[in-house]
N, C-alpha and C. Protein backbone atom coordinates (compact mmCIF):
# COMPACT_ATOMS: atom_id res chain seq x y z
N MET A 1 56.57 76.04 12.13
CA MET A 1 57.45 76.84 12.93
C MET A 1 58.71 77.06 12.13
N SER A 2 59.27 78.18 12.24
CA SER A 2 60.46 78.51 11.46
C SER A 2 61.60 78.85 12.39
N ALA A 3 62.72 78.20 12.15
CA ALA A 3 63.93 78.51 12.90
C ALA A 3 64.98 78.91 11.90
N GLY A 4 65.33 80.11 11.91
CA GLY A 4 66.25 80.58 10.89
C GLY A 4 67.53 81.11 11.50
N VAL A 5 68.59 80.89 10.77
CA VAL A 5 69.88 81.43 11.16
C VAL A 5 70.34 82.29 9.99
N SER A 6 70.55 83.49 10.25
CA SER A 6 70.99 84.35 9.15
C SER A 6 72.29 85.01 9.52
N SER A 7 73.10 85.13 8.56
CA SER A 7 74.35 85.82 8.77
C SER A 7 74.29 87.14 8.03
N GLY A 8 74.86 88.13 8.59
CA GLY A 8 74.76 89.48 8.04
C GLY A 8 75.33 89.60 6.64
N SER A 9 76.53 89.17 6.43
CA SER A 9 77.13 89.29 5.10
C SER A 9 77.81 87.99 4.76
N GLY A 10 77.06 87.04 4.30
CA GLY A 10 77.60 85.75 3.97
C GLY A 10 77.73 85.60 2.48
N ALA A 11 78.59 84.72 2.08
CA ALA A 11 78.80 84.50 0.65
C ALA A 11 77.59 83.82 0.03
N ARG A 12 76.92 82.99 0.82
CA ARG A 12 75.77 82.27 0.27
C ARG A 12 74.49 83.05 0.46
N GLY A 13 74.51 84.11 1.15
CA GLY A 13 73.31 84.91 1.36
C GLY A 13 72.58 84.46 2.61
N ASP A 14 71.28 84.58 2.61
CA ASP A 14 70.46 84.25 3.77
C ASP A 14 70.23 82.74 3.83
N THR A 15 70.74 82.10 4.87
CA THR A 15 70.50 80.67 5.05
C THR A 15 69.49 80.49 6.15
N SER A 16 68.47 79.74 5.90
CA SER A 16 67.46 79.47 6.91
C SER A 16 67.01 78.03 6.80
N GLN A 17 66.56 77.52 7.92
CA GLN A 17 66.05 76.15 7.94
C GLN A 17 64.62 76.21 8.44
N ASP A 18 63.71 75.75 7.65
CA ASP A 18 62.31 75.66 8.05
C ASP A 18 62.01 74.21 8.42
N PHE A 19 61.37 74.04 9.57
CA PHE A 19 60.97 72.69 9.97
C PHE A 19 59.68 72.78 10.77
N GLU A 20 58.99 71.67 10.81
CA GLU A 20 57.74 71.55 11.56
C GLU A 20 58.03 70.71 12.81
N LEU A 21 57.61 71.21 13.96
CA LEU A 21 57.77 70.49 15.21
C LEU A 21 56.55 69.60 15.40
N ASN A 22 56.76 68.29 15.43
CA ASN A 22 55.66 67.33 15.55
C ASN A 22 55.37 67.08 17.03
N ILE A 23 54.32 67.70 17.55
CA ILE A 23 53.97 67.52 18.95
C ILE A 23 52.76 66.61 19.13
N ALA A 24 52.34 65.95 18.08
CA ALA A 24 51.19 65.07 18.17
C ALA A 24 51.44 63.92 19.14
N SER A 25 52.63 63.35 19.15
CA SER A 25 52.92 62.24 20.06
C SER A 25 52.93 62.71 21.52
N ILE A 26 53.39 63.93 21.77
CA ILE A 26 53.39 64.47 23.12
C ILE A 26 51.96 64.72 23.60
N ILE A 27 51.13 65.25 22.71
CA ILE A 27 49.72 65.47 23.05
C ILE A 27 49.02 64.15 23.32
N ASP A 28 49.30 63.13 22.51
CA ASP A 28 48.71 61.81 22.74
C ASP A 28 49.13 61.25 24.10
N CYS A 29 50.38 61.41 24.44
CA CYS A 29 50.88 60.92 25.73
C CYS A 29 50.17 61.62 26.90
N PHE A 30 50.06 62.94 26.83
CA PHE A 30 49.37 63.68 27.89
C PHE A 30 47.88 63.35 27.96
N THR A 31 47.26 63.11 26.81
CA THR A 31 45.84 62.73 26.80
C THR A 31 45.63 61.41 27.53
N VAL A 32 46.48 60.44 27.25
CA VAL A 32 46.37 59.15 27.93
C VAL A 32 46.65 59.31 29.42
N LEU A 33 47.66 60.10 29.77
CA LEU A 33 48.01 60.31 31.17
C LEU A 33 46.89 60.99 31.93
N ILE A 34 46.31 62.02 31.38
CA ILE A 34 45.21 62.73 32.04
C ILE A 34 43.99 61.84 32.18
N THR A 35 43.68 61.07 31.14
CA THR A 35 42.54 60.15 31.21
C THR A 35 42.76 59.11 32.31
N PHE A 36 43.96 58.57 32.39
CA PHE A 36 44.25 57.59 33.42
C PHE A 36 44.12 58.20 34.81
N MET A 37 44.63 59.39 35.01
CA MET A 37 44.56 60.04 36.32
C MET A 37 43.12 60.35 36.71
N LEU A 38 42.31 60.80 35.77
CA LEU A 38 40.91 61.08 36.08
C LEU A 38 40.13 59.81 36.40
N ALA A 39 40.43 58.74 35.68
CA ALA A 39 39.73 57.48 35.92
C ALA A 39 40.12 56.86 37.26
N SER A 40 41.39 56.99 37.64
CA SER A 40 41.83 56.37 38.89
C SER A 40 41.57 57.25 40.10
N ALA A 41 41.28 58.50 39.93
CA ALA A 41 41.07 59.40 41.06
C ALA A 41 39.84 59.02 41.87
N SER A 42 38.86 58.41 41.25
CA SER A 42 37.65 58.04 41.98
C SER A 42 37.89 56.87 42.92
N PHE A 43 38.97 56.12 42.71
CA PHE A 43 39.25 54.97 43.56
C PHE A 43 40.21 55.30 44.69
N ILE A 44 40.73 56.49 44.70
CA ILE A 44 41.68 56.88 45.75
C ILE A 44 40.89 57.39 46.95
N SER A 45 41.17 56.83 48.08
CA SER A 45 40.58 57.34 49.31
C SER A 45 41.71 57.71 50.24
N ILE A 46 41.76 58.95 50.57
CA ILE A 46 42.84 59.46 51.42
C ILE A 46 42.29 59.58 52.83
N GLY A 47 42.93 58.90 53.74
CA GLY A 47 42.52 58.96 55.13
C GLY A 47 43.65 59.48 55.98
N VAL A 48 43.30 60.12 57.04
CA VAL A 48 44.29 60.64 57.96
C VAL A 48 44.28 59.80 59.21
N LEU A 49 45.42 59.34 59.56
CA LEU A 49 45.56 58.54 60.77
C LEU A 49 46.11 59.45 61.85
N ASP A 50 45.27 59.80 62.79
CA ASP A 50 45.67 60.73 63.83
C ASP A 50 46.40 59.96 64.92
N ALA A 51 47.72 60.08 64.89
CA ALA A 51 48.52 59.36 65.87
C ALA A 51 49.72 60.19 66.24
N GLY A 52 50.07 60.14 67.48
CA GLY A 52 51.29 60.79 67.92
C GLY A 52 52.42 59.78 67.90
N ILE A 53 53.62 60.26 68.01
CA ILE A 53 54.77 59.36 68.01
C ILE A 53 55.49 59.54 69.34
N SER A 54 55.70 58.44 70.01
CA SER A 54 56.41 58.47 71.27
C SER A 54 57.90 58.53 70.97
N ALA A 55 58.51 59.65 71.27
CA ALA A 55 59.92 59.83 70.95
C ALA A 55 60.66 60.37 72.17
N GLY A 56 61.92 60.08 72.22
CA GLY A 56 62.74 60.57 73.31
C GLY A 56 63.14 62.02 73.08
N GLY A 57 63.54 62.67 74.09
CA GLY A 57 63.96 64.07 73.97
C GLY A 57 63.54 64.84 75.19
N SER A 58 63.84 66.12 75.17
CA SER A 58 63.47 66.95 76.31
C SER A 58 61.98 67.26 76.26
N THR A 59 61.41 67.45 77.41
CA THR A 59 59.99 67.74 77.48
C THR A 59 59.72 69.18 77.10
N ALA A 60 58.57 69.41 76.51
CA ALA A 60 58.24 70.75 76.05
C ALA A 60 57.78 71.64 77.19
N ASN A 61 57.16 71.05 78.18
CA ASN A 61 56.68 71.86 79.30
C ASN A 61 57.01 71.15 80.61
N ALA A 62 56.75 71.83 81.69
CA ALA A 62 57.08 71.29 83.01
C ALA A 62 55.87 70.63 83.66
N ALA A 63 55.03 69.97 82.87
CA ALA A 63 53.85 69.32 83.42
C ALA A 63 54.28 68.08 84.22
N LYS A 64 53.51 67.78 85.23
CA LYS A 64 53.81 66.64 86.08
C LYS A 64 53.50 65.35 85.31
N PRO A 65 54.45 64.43 85.22
CA PRO A 65 54.20 63.19 84.50
C PRO A 65 53.21 62.31 85.28
N PRO A 66 52.52 61.42 84.58
CA PRO A 66 51.58 60.54 85.28
C PRO A 66 52.32 59.57 86.21
N SER A 67 51.59 59.07 87.18
CA SER A 67 52.21 58.17 88.16
C SER A 67 52.60 56.83 87.53
N VAL A 68 51.90 56.43 86.49
CA VAL A 68 52.23 55.19 85.78
C VAL A 68 52.16 55.45 84.28
N THR A 69 52.88 54.64 83.53
CA THR A 69 52.78 54.67 82.07
C THR A 69 52.24 53.33 81.60
N LEU A 70 51.46 53.38 80.57
CA LEU A 70 50.80 52.19 80.05
C LEU A 70 51.25 51.97 78.62
N SER A 71 51.77 50.79 78.33
CA SER A 71 52.18 50.46 76.97
C SER A 71 51.58 49.12 76.58
N ILE A 72 51.23 49.03 75.31
CA ILE A 72 50.58 47.82 74.78
C ILE A 72 51.44 47.29 73.65
N LEU A 73 51.74 46.00 73.69
CA LEU A 73 52.54 45.35 72.67
C LEU A 73 51.67 44.33 71.94
N LEU A 74 51.62 44.45 70.62
CA LEU A 74 50.88 43.49 69.79
C LEU A 74 51.86 42.45 69.27
N LYS A 75 51.51 41.19 69.44
CA LYS A 75 52.39 40.10 69.02
C LYS A 75 51.80 39.41 67.80
N PRO A 76 52.63 38.79 66.96
CA PRO A 76 52.13 38.17 65.73
C PRO A 76 51.16 37.01 65.96
N ASP A 77 51.25 36.37 67.13
CA ASP A 77 50.33 35.26 67.41
C ASP A 77 49.00 35.74 67.99
N LYS A 78 48.70 37.04 67.78
CA LYS A 78 47.44 37.69 68.19
C LYS A 78 47.31 37.85 69.70
N ASP A 79 48.41 37.71 70.42
CA ASP A 79 48.41 37.98 71.85
C ASP A 79 48.68 39.47 72.08
N ILE A 80 48.11 40.00 73.15
CA ILE A 80 48.30 41.39 73.52
C ILE A 80 48.97 41.42 74.89
N GLU A 81 50.02 42.22 75.00
CA GLU A 81 50.73 42.34 76.26
C GLU A 81 50.59 43.78 76.76
N VAL A 82 50.01 43.94 77.93
CA VAL A 82 49.81 45.26 78.53
C VAL A 82 50.82 45.42 79.66
N LYS A 83 51.66 46.47 79.55
CA LYS A 83 52.68 46.72 80.57
C LYS A 83 52.37 48.03 81.27
N ILE A 84 52.37 47.96 82.60
CA ILE A 84 52.19 49.15 83.43
C ILE A 84 53.49 49.34 84.19
N SER A 85 54.06 50.54 84.10
CA SER A 85 55.30 50.81 84.80
C SER A 85 55.20 52.17 85.49
N GLY A 86 55.92 52.31 86.55
CA GLY A 86 55.88 53.54 87.35
C GLY A 86 55.77 53.16 88.81
N LYS A 87 54.71 53.64 89.48
CA LYS A 87 54.49 53.27 90.88
C LYS A 87 54.26 51.77 91.01
N THR A 88 53.64 51.20 90.00
CA THR A 88 53.36 49.77 89.97
C THR A 88 53.94 49.19 88.70
N ASN A 89 54.64 48.08 88.79
CA ASN A 89 55.14 47.39 87.61
C ASN A 89 54.36 46.10 87.44
N LEU A 90 53.65 46.02 86.33
CA LEU A 90 52.75 44.89 86.10
C LEU A 90 52.71 44.59 84.61
N THR A 91 52.74 43.32 84.26
CA THR A 91 52.59 42.90 82.87
C THR A 91 51.44 41.90 82.80
N VAL A 92 50.47 42.21 81.94
CA VAL A 92 49.31 41.35 81.76
C VAL A 92 49.29 40.88 80.32
N LYS A 93 49.15 39.57 80.13
CA LYS A 93 49.07 39.00 78.79
C LYS A 93 47.63 38.61 78.51
N LEU A 94 47.13 39.12 77.39
CA LEU A 94 45.78 38.78 76.96
C LEU A 94 45.89 37.86 75.76
N PRO A 95 45.61 36.57 75.95
CA PRO A 95 45.78 35.63 74.83
C PRO A 95 44.72 35.83 73.75
N ALA A 96 45.02 35.29 72.58
CA ALA A 96 44.10 35.39 71.45
C ALA A 96 42.81 34.64 71.76
N LYS A 97 41.73 35.14 71.20
CA LYS A 97 40.43 34.53 71.40
C LYS A 97 39.89 34.15 70.01
N ASN A 98 39.71 32.87 69.79
CA ASN A 98 39.25 32.34 68.49
C ASN A 98 40.17 32.78 67.35
N LYS A 99 41.48 32.73 67.59
CA LYS A 99 42.52 33.08 66.63
C LYS A 99 42.43 34.53 66.15
N ASP A 100 41.94 35.41 67.01
CA ASP A 100 41.86 36.83 66.70
C ASP A 100 42.19 37.60 67.98
N TRP A 101 42.41 38.89 67.82
CA TRP A 101 42.72 39.74 68.97
C TRP A 101 41.54 39.78 69.92
N ASP A 102 41.80 39.74 71.20
CA ASP A 102 40.74 39.83 72.21
C ASP A 102 40.58 41.29 72.62
N PHE A 103 39.91 42.06 71.76
CA PHE A 103 39.75 43.49 72.02
C PHE A 103 38.75 43.75 73.13
N ASP A 104 37.83 42.84 73.38
CA ASP A 104 36.89 43.01 74.49
C ASP A 104 37.63 42.98 75.83
N ALA A 105 38.53 42.01 75.98
CA ALA A 105 39.32 41.93 77.21
C ALA A 105 40.25 43.13 77.34
N LEU A 106 40.79 43.59 76.22
CA LEU A 106 41.66 44.76 76.26
C LEU A 106 40.89 46.01 76.69
N THR A 107 39.69 46.20 76.16
CA THR A 107 38.87 47.35 76.54
C THR A 107 38.52 47.30 78.02
N ALA A 108 38.16 46.13 78.52
CA ALA A 108 37.83 45.99 79.94
C ALA A 108 39.05 46.27 80.81
N HIS A 109 40.22 45.77 80.39
CA HIS A 109 41.44 45.99 81.16
C HIS A 109 41.82 47.47 81.16
N LEU A 110 41.70 48.14 80.01
CA LEU A 110 42.03 49.56 79.94
C LEU A 110 41.08 50.41 80.77
N ALA A 111 39.79 50.05 80.78
CA ALA A 111 38.82 50.78 81.60
C ALA A 111 39.15 50.64 83.09
N ALA A 112 39.56 49.44 83.50
CA ALA A 112 39.94 49.24 84.91
C ALA A 112 41.20 50.04 85.25
N ASP A 113 42.16 50.08 84.32
CA ASP A 113 43.38 50.86 84.56
C ASP A 113 43.08 52.35 84.64
N LYS A 114 42.19 52.83 83.80
CA LYS A 114 41.84 54.25 83.81
C LYS A 114 41.12 54.62 85.10
N ALA A 115 40.29 53.72 85.62
CA ALA A 115 39.59 53.98 86.88
C ALA A 115 40.57 53.95 88.06
N LYS A 116 41.57 53.09 87.99
CA LYS A 116 42.53 52.95 89.08
C LYS A 116 43.50 54.12 89.14
N TRP A 117 43.99 54.57 87.97
CA TRP A 117 44.93 55.68 87.91
C TRP A 117 44.28 56.81 87.12
N SER A 118 43.77 57.78 87.84
CA SER A 118 43.02 58.87 87.20
C SER A 118 43.91 59.82 86.41
N ASP A 119 45.20 59.88 86.72
CA ASP A 119 46.08 60.79 85.99
C ASP A 119 46.62 60.18 84.70
N LEU A 120 46.28 58.95 84.42
CA LEU A 120 46.71 58.27 83.20
C LEU A 120 45.88 58.78 82.02
N ALA A 121 46.55 59.40 81.04
CA ALA A 121 45.81 60.02 79.94
C ALA A 121 46.11 59.40 78.58
N GLY A 122 47.18 58.65 78.45
CA GLY A 122 47.55 58.13 77.14
C GLY A 122 48.16 56.75 77.22
N VAL A 123 48.25 56.12 76.06
CA VAL A 123 48.78 54.77 75.94
C VAL A 123 49.81 54.77 74.82
N THR A 124 50.90 54.04 75.01
CA THR A 124 51.88 53.84 73.94
C THR A 124 51.66 52.46 73.34
N LEU A 125 51.43 52.44 72.03
CA LEU A 125 51.16 51.20 71.31
C LEU A 125 52.37 50.81 70.48
N THR A 126 52.85 49.59 70.67
CA THR A 126 53.94 49.06 69.86
C THR A 126 53.50 47.71 69.31
N ALA A 127 54.16 47.31 68.24
CA ALA A 127 53.85 46.02 67.63
C ALA A 127 55.14 45.40 67.13
N GLU A 128 55.17 44.08 67.14
CA GLU A 128 56.33 43.39 66.59
C GLU A 128 56.30 43.49 65.07
N ASN A 129 57.42 43.19 64.45
CA ASN A 129 57.56 43.40 63.00
C ASN A 129 56.59 42.58 62.16
N ASP A 130 56.15 41.44 62.63
CA ASP A 130 55.29 40.58 61.83
C ASP A 130 53.81 40.95 61.91
N VAL A 131 53.46 41.94 62.70
CA VAL A 131 52.07 42.38 62.83
C VAL A 131 51.75 43.32 61.67
N GLN A 132 50.63 43.06 61.01
CA GLN A 132 50.24 43.88 59.87
C GLN A 132 49.77 45.26 60.32
N TYR A 133 49.94 46.21 59.42
CA TYR A 133 49.59 47.61 59.73
C TYR A 133 48.10 47.77 60.01
N LYS A 134 47.26 47.06 59.28
CA LYS A 134 45.82 47.18 59.51
C LYS A 134 45.42 46.70 60.90
N GLU A 135 46.19 45.77 61.44
CA GLU A 135 45.92 45.30 62.81
C GLU A 135 46.30 46.37 63.83
N VAL A 136 47.35 47.12 63.54
CA VAL A 136 47.75 48.22 64.42
C VAL A 136 46.65 49.29 64.42
N VAL A 137 46.12 49.59 63.25
CA VAL A 137 45.04 50.59 63.14
C VAL A 137 43.79 50.11 63.88
N ARG A 138 43.45 48.84 63.73
CA ARG A 138 42.28 48.29 64.45
C ARG A 138 42.49 48.41 65.96
N SER A 139 43.71 48.14 66.40
CA SER A 139 44.00 48.25 67.83
C SER A 139 43.90 49.69 68.30
N MET A 140 44.39 50.61 67.50
CA MET A 140 44.30 52.03 67.87
C MET A 140 42.85 52.46 68.01
N GLU A 141 42.00 52.02 67.09
CA GLU A 141 40.58 52.38 67.16
C GLU A 141 39.94 51.82 68.43
N THR A 142 40.33 50.63 68.82
CA THR A 142 39.79 50.02 70.04
C THR A 142 40.28 50.77 71.28
N ILE A 143 41.56 51.10 71.30
CA ILE A 143 42.13 51.78 72.46
C ILE A 143 41.55 53.18 72.62
N ARG A 144 41.27 53.85 71.50
CA ARG A 144 40.73 55.22 71.55
C ARG A 144 39.35 55.29 72.20
N LYS A 145 38.66 54.19 72.28
CA LYS A 145 37.36 54.19 72.96
C LYS A 145 37.55 54.49 74.45
N THR A 146 38.70 54.13 75.00
CA THR A 146 38.99 54.35 76.42
C THR A 146 39.96 55.51 76.62
N PHE A 147 41.04 55.52 75.86
CA PHE A 147 42.07 56.57 75.95
C PHE A 147 42.16 57.29 74.61
N PRO A 148 41.82 58.57 74.58
CA PRO A 148 41.88 59.27 73.30
C PRO A 148 43.31 59.50 72.78
N ALA A 149 44.29 59.51 73.67
CA ALA A 149 45.67 59.74 73.25
C ALA A 149 46.38 58.42 73.09
N VAL A 150 46.64 58.03 71.84
CA VAL A 150 47.37 56.80 71.53
C VAL A 150 48.65 57.20 70.83
N LEU A 151 49.77 56.84 71.44
CA LEU A 151 51.08 57.16 70.88
C LEU A 151 51.67 55.89 70.26
N LEU A 152 52.29 56.05 69.11
CA LEU A 152 52.95 54.92 68.46
C LEU A 152 54.41 54.94 68.86
N GLY A 153 54.92 53.82 69.27
CA GLY A 153 56.31 53.76 69.69
C GLY A 153 56.96 52.47 69.22
N GLY A 154 58.27 52.53 68.98
CA GLY A 154 59.03 51.35 68.64
C GLY A 154 58.86 50.85 67.23
N PHE A 155 58.39 51.68 66.32
CA PHE A 155 58.21 51.23 64.93
C PHE A 155 59.40 51.60 64.10
C-alpha cells in the first residue's frame, strides 16, 4: 500500500512514503474469534420464558376485576405460602415434603381454588431473595397446569 504526500513545488521535489500495512495479526485474531463463536454456538440454547409482570399503574381496560386475587410466595426453606385476598382473606402454608417443594399439594390447592372462584384467571408468583431462579421456573411450570396466566411480582 502506498501513502504519499506530495507538495506541488517543493525544494526537495516529490516526497513520498511507501509502507506495507501488516494485517496478518488482525486476520489471525478474527479467525480465532470466528472459530470460537462457531464452536460455542452449538452449546447455546435460547429459551423464552413466557411470563407477565405484575406491576402497578392504571388499568388498560375497564374489565371487571376478579372477586379474589391469588398470590404464591416461595420461601427458601421450600415452604409455599398461598394467599387469597378479596372477598375472602386466607393464607395457606404448604410445608416442604422430603426437603423439596410440595408441588402436588400446590396443584390440588390451586384446582380447588379455581373450582371455588370461577372468575379467577391468574396467579401472582413471588419468591424471597434466597430462592434460586430455576425453582421459580419449576413453580411456574407447575402453576401453569392449573392457571395459564402466571404473573411475576416482587422481584
